[in-house]
C-alpha atoms as a PDB file:
ATOM      1  CA  LYS A   1      22.102  36.571  16.344  1.00  0.00           C
ATOM      2  CA  ARG A   2      22.576  33.882  18.939  1.00  0.00           C
ATOM      3  CA  THR A   3      25.904  32.554  20.252  1.00  0.00           C
ATOM      4  CA  LEU A   4      25.873  28.893  21.188  1.00  0.00           C
ATOM      5  CA  VAL A   5      28.396  27.216  23.470  1.00  0.00           C
ATOM      6  CA  CYS A   6      29.058  23.475  23.604  1.00  0.00           C
ATOM      7  CA  TRP A   7      28.807  22.359  27.224  1.00  0.00           C
ATOM      8  CA  ARG A   8      31.357  19.591  26.604  1.00  0.00           C
ATOM      9  CA  CYS A   9      34.227  21.430  24.895  1.00  0.00           C
ATOM     10  CA  GLU A  10      33.264  25.138  25.155  1.00  0.00           C
ATOM     11  CA  THR A  11      33.394  25.658  21.378  1.00  0.00           C
ATOM     12  CA  GLN A  12      31.350  28.739  20.458  1.00  0.00           C
ATOM     13  CA  TRP A  13      29.498  29.526  17.231  1.00  0.00           C
ATOM     14  CA  ARG A  14      26.922  32.043  15.970  1.00  0.00           C
ATOM     15  CA  THR A  15      23.526  31.196  14.502  1.00  0.00           C
ATOM     16  CA  THR A  16      20.344  32.973  13.502  1.00  0.00           C
ATOM     17  CA  HIS A  17      18.204  29.908  14.364  1.00  0.00           C
ATOM     18  CA  ARG A  18      15.873  30.816  17.252  1.00  0.00           C
ATOM     19  CA  GLY A  19      14.087  27.528  17.878  1.00  0.00           C
ATOM     20  CA  CYS A  20      14.958  24.148  19.348  1.00  0.00           C
ATOM     21  CA  LEU A  21      18.307  22.837  18.181  1.00  0.00           C
ATOM     22  CA  GLY A  22      17.077  19.251  18.528  1.00  0.00           C
ATOM     23  CA  CYS A  23      13.883  19.200  16.478  1.00  0.00           C
ATOM     24  CA  GLY A  24      13.449  22.706  15.066  1.00  0.00           C
ATOM     25  CA  ALA A  25      10.295  23.639  17.022  1.00  0.00           C
ATOM     26  CA  HIS A  26      10.118  27.412  17.309  1.00  0.00           C
ATOM     27  CA  GLY A  27       7.023  28.517  19.173  1.00  0.00           C
ATOM     28  CA  PRO A  28       4.461  27.774  21.851  1.00  0.00           C
ATOM     29  CA  PRO A  29       3.254  25.306  22.943  1.00  0.00           C
ATOM     30  CA  ASP A  30       6.283  23.279  21.801  1.00  0.00           C
ATOM     31  CA  LEU A  31       8.856  25.787  23.027  1.00  0.00           C
ATOM     32  CA  ALA A  32       8.514  27.278  26.498  1.00  0.00           C
ATOM     33  CA  ARG A  33      10.831  29.600  28.401  1.00  0.00           C
ATOM     34  CA  VAL A  34      11.303  29.766  32.159  1.00  0.00           C
ATOM     35  CA  SER A  35      13.095  32.872  33.376  1.00  0.00           C
ATOM     36  CA  SER A  36      15.662  32.969  36.160  1.00  0.00           C
ATOM     37  CA  PRO A  37      16.159  36.738  36.542  1.00  0.00           C
ATOM     38  CA  TYR A  38      18.571  36.425  39.455  1.00  0.00           C
ATOM     39  CA  LEU A  39      20.996  34.466  37.262  1.00  0.00           C
ATOM     40  CA  GLY A  40      20.209  36.345  34.051  1.00  0.00           C
ATOM     41  CA  TYR A  41      19.296  33.114  32.251  1.00  0.00           C
ATOM     42  CA  GLU A  42      16.260  31.542  30.677  1.00  0.00           C
ATOM     43  CA  LEU A  43      15.658  27.833  30.435  1.00  0.00           C
ATOM     44  CA  ALA A  44      14.336  27.118  26.924  1.00  0.00           C
ATOM     45  CA  ILE A  45      12.342  23.886  27.127  1.00  0.00           C
ATOM     46  CA  CYS A  46      11.190  21.969  24.066  1.00  0.00           C
ATOM     47  CA  ASN A  47       8.039  20.022  24.862  1.00  0.00           C
ATOM     48  CA  ALA A  48       8.186  18.361  21.429  1.00  0.00           C
ATOM     49  CA  CYS A  49      11.510  16.518  21.860  1.00  0.00           C
ATOM     50  CA  GLY A  50      12.308  16.868  25.586  1.00  0.00           C
ATOM     51  CA  ARG A  51      15.486  18.912  25.248  1.00  0.00           C
ATOM     52  CA  TYR A  52      16.465  22.071  27.083  1.00  0.00           C
ATOM     53  CA  LEU A  53      18.928  24.868  26.604  1.00  0.00           C
ATOM     54  CA  LYS A  54      20.166  27.542  28.989  1.00  0.00           C
ATOM     55  CA  GLU A  55      20.091  30.977  27.369  1.00  0.00           C
ATOM     56  CA  ARG A  56      21.830  34.047  28.742  1.00  0.00           C
ATOM     57  CA  ARG A  57      20.463  37.483  27.966  1.00  0.00           C
ATOM     58  CA  GLY A  58      23.376  39.782  27.238  1.00  0.00           C
ATOM     59  CA  SER A  59      27.060  38.965  27.463  1.00  0.00           C
ATOM     60  CA  LEU A  60      28.723  36.605  29.917  1.00  0.00           C
ATOM     61  CA  THR A  61      29.717  38.103  33.239  1.00  0.00           C
ATOM     62  CA  HIS A  62      32.205  35.352  34.157  1.00  0.00           C
ATOM     63  CA  GLU A  63      34.372  32.725  32.485  1.00  0.00           C
ATOM     64  CA  LEU A  64      32.398  29.873  30.929  1.00  0.00           C
ATOM     65  CA  ILE A  65      33.356  27.394  33.652  1.00  0.00           C
ATOM     66  CA  VAL A  66      32.083  29.799  36.326  1.00  0.00           C
ATOM     67  CA  GLU A  67      28.847  30.441  34.396  1.00  0.00           C
ATOM     68  CA  ARG A  68      28.326  26.679  34.092  1.00  0.00           C
ATOM     69  CA  THR A  69      28.815  26.258  37.838  1.00  0.00           C
ATOM     70  CA  LEU A  70      26.470  29.152  38.672  1.00  0.00           C
ATOM     71  CA  THR A  71      23.726  27.642  36.511  1.00  0.00           C
ATOM     72  CA  ALA A  72      24.128  24.010  37.608  1.00  0.00           C
ATOM     73  CA  GLY A  73      20.824  24.307  39.484  1.00  0.00           C
ATOM     74  CA  LEU A  74      19.030  24.990  36.198  1.00  0.00           C
ATOM     75  CA  ASP A  75      20.517  21.814  34.722  1.00  0.00           C
ATOM     76  CA  GLU A  76      19.499  19.817  37.770  1.00  0.00           C
ATOM     77  CA  ALA A  77      15.920  21.135  37.716  1.00  0.00           C
ATOM     78  CA  ALA A  78      15.566  20.339  33.999  1.00  0.00           C
ATOM     79  CA  GLN A  79      17.034  16.857  34.336  1.00  0.00           C
ATOM     80  CA  GLN A  80      14.782  16.033  37.297  1.00  0.00           C
ATOM     81  CA  ARG A  81      11.869  16.721  34.965  1.00  0.00           C
ATOM     82  CA  GLY A  82      13.196  14.240  32.422  1.00  0.00           C
ATOM     83  CA  LEU A  83      14.685  16.800  30.030  1.00  0.00           C
ATOM     84  CA  ARG A  84      18.068  16.371  28.395  1.00  0.00           C
ATOM     85  CA  ALA A  85      20.643  18.872  27.159  1.00  0.00           C
END
């Protein structure tokens, strides 16, 4: 299962859906993953609709606001490439 967190209000919910939340794409070449091992995150990029999602492997190590701050560079890199959350 996958736990999703809203970046606006921090609401959390569980889902079994593994693909893009925007368009439903679920595999290459539409869905690509870029690993950031130092942070423990992957950037899931949907080439079909231009959305991205930060995915953490394992449980959170900090409060959500701290995690969001630690991964702000991932958001910036994605947005500079024209992707949207």
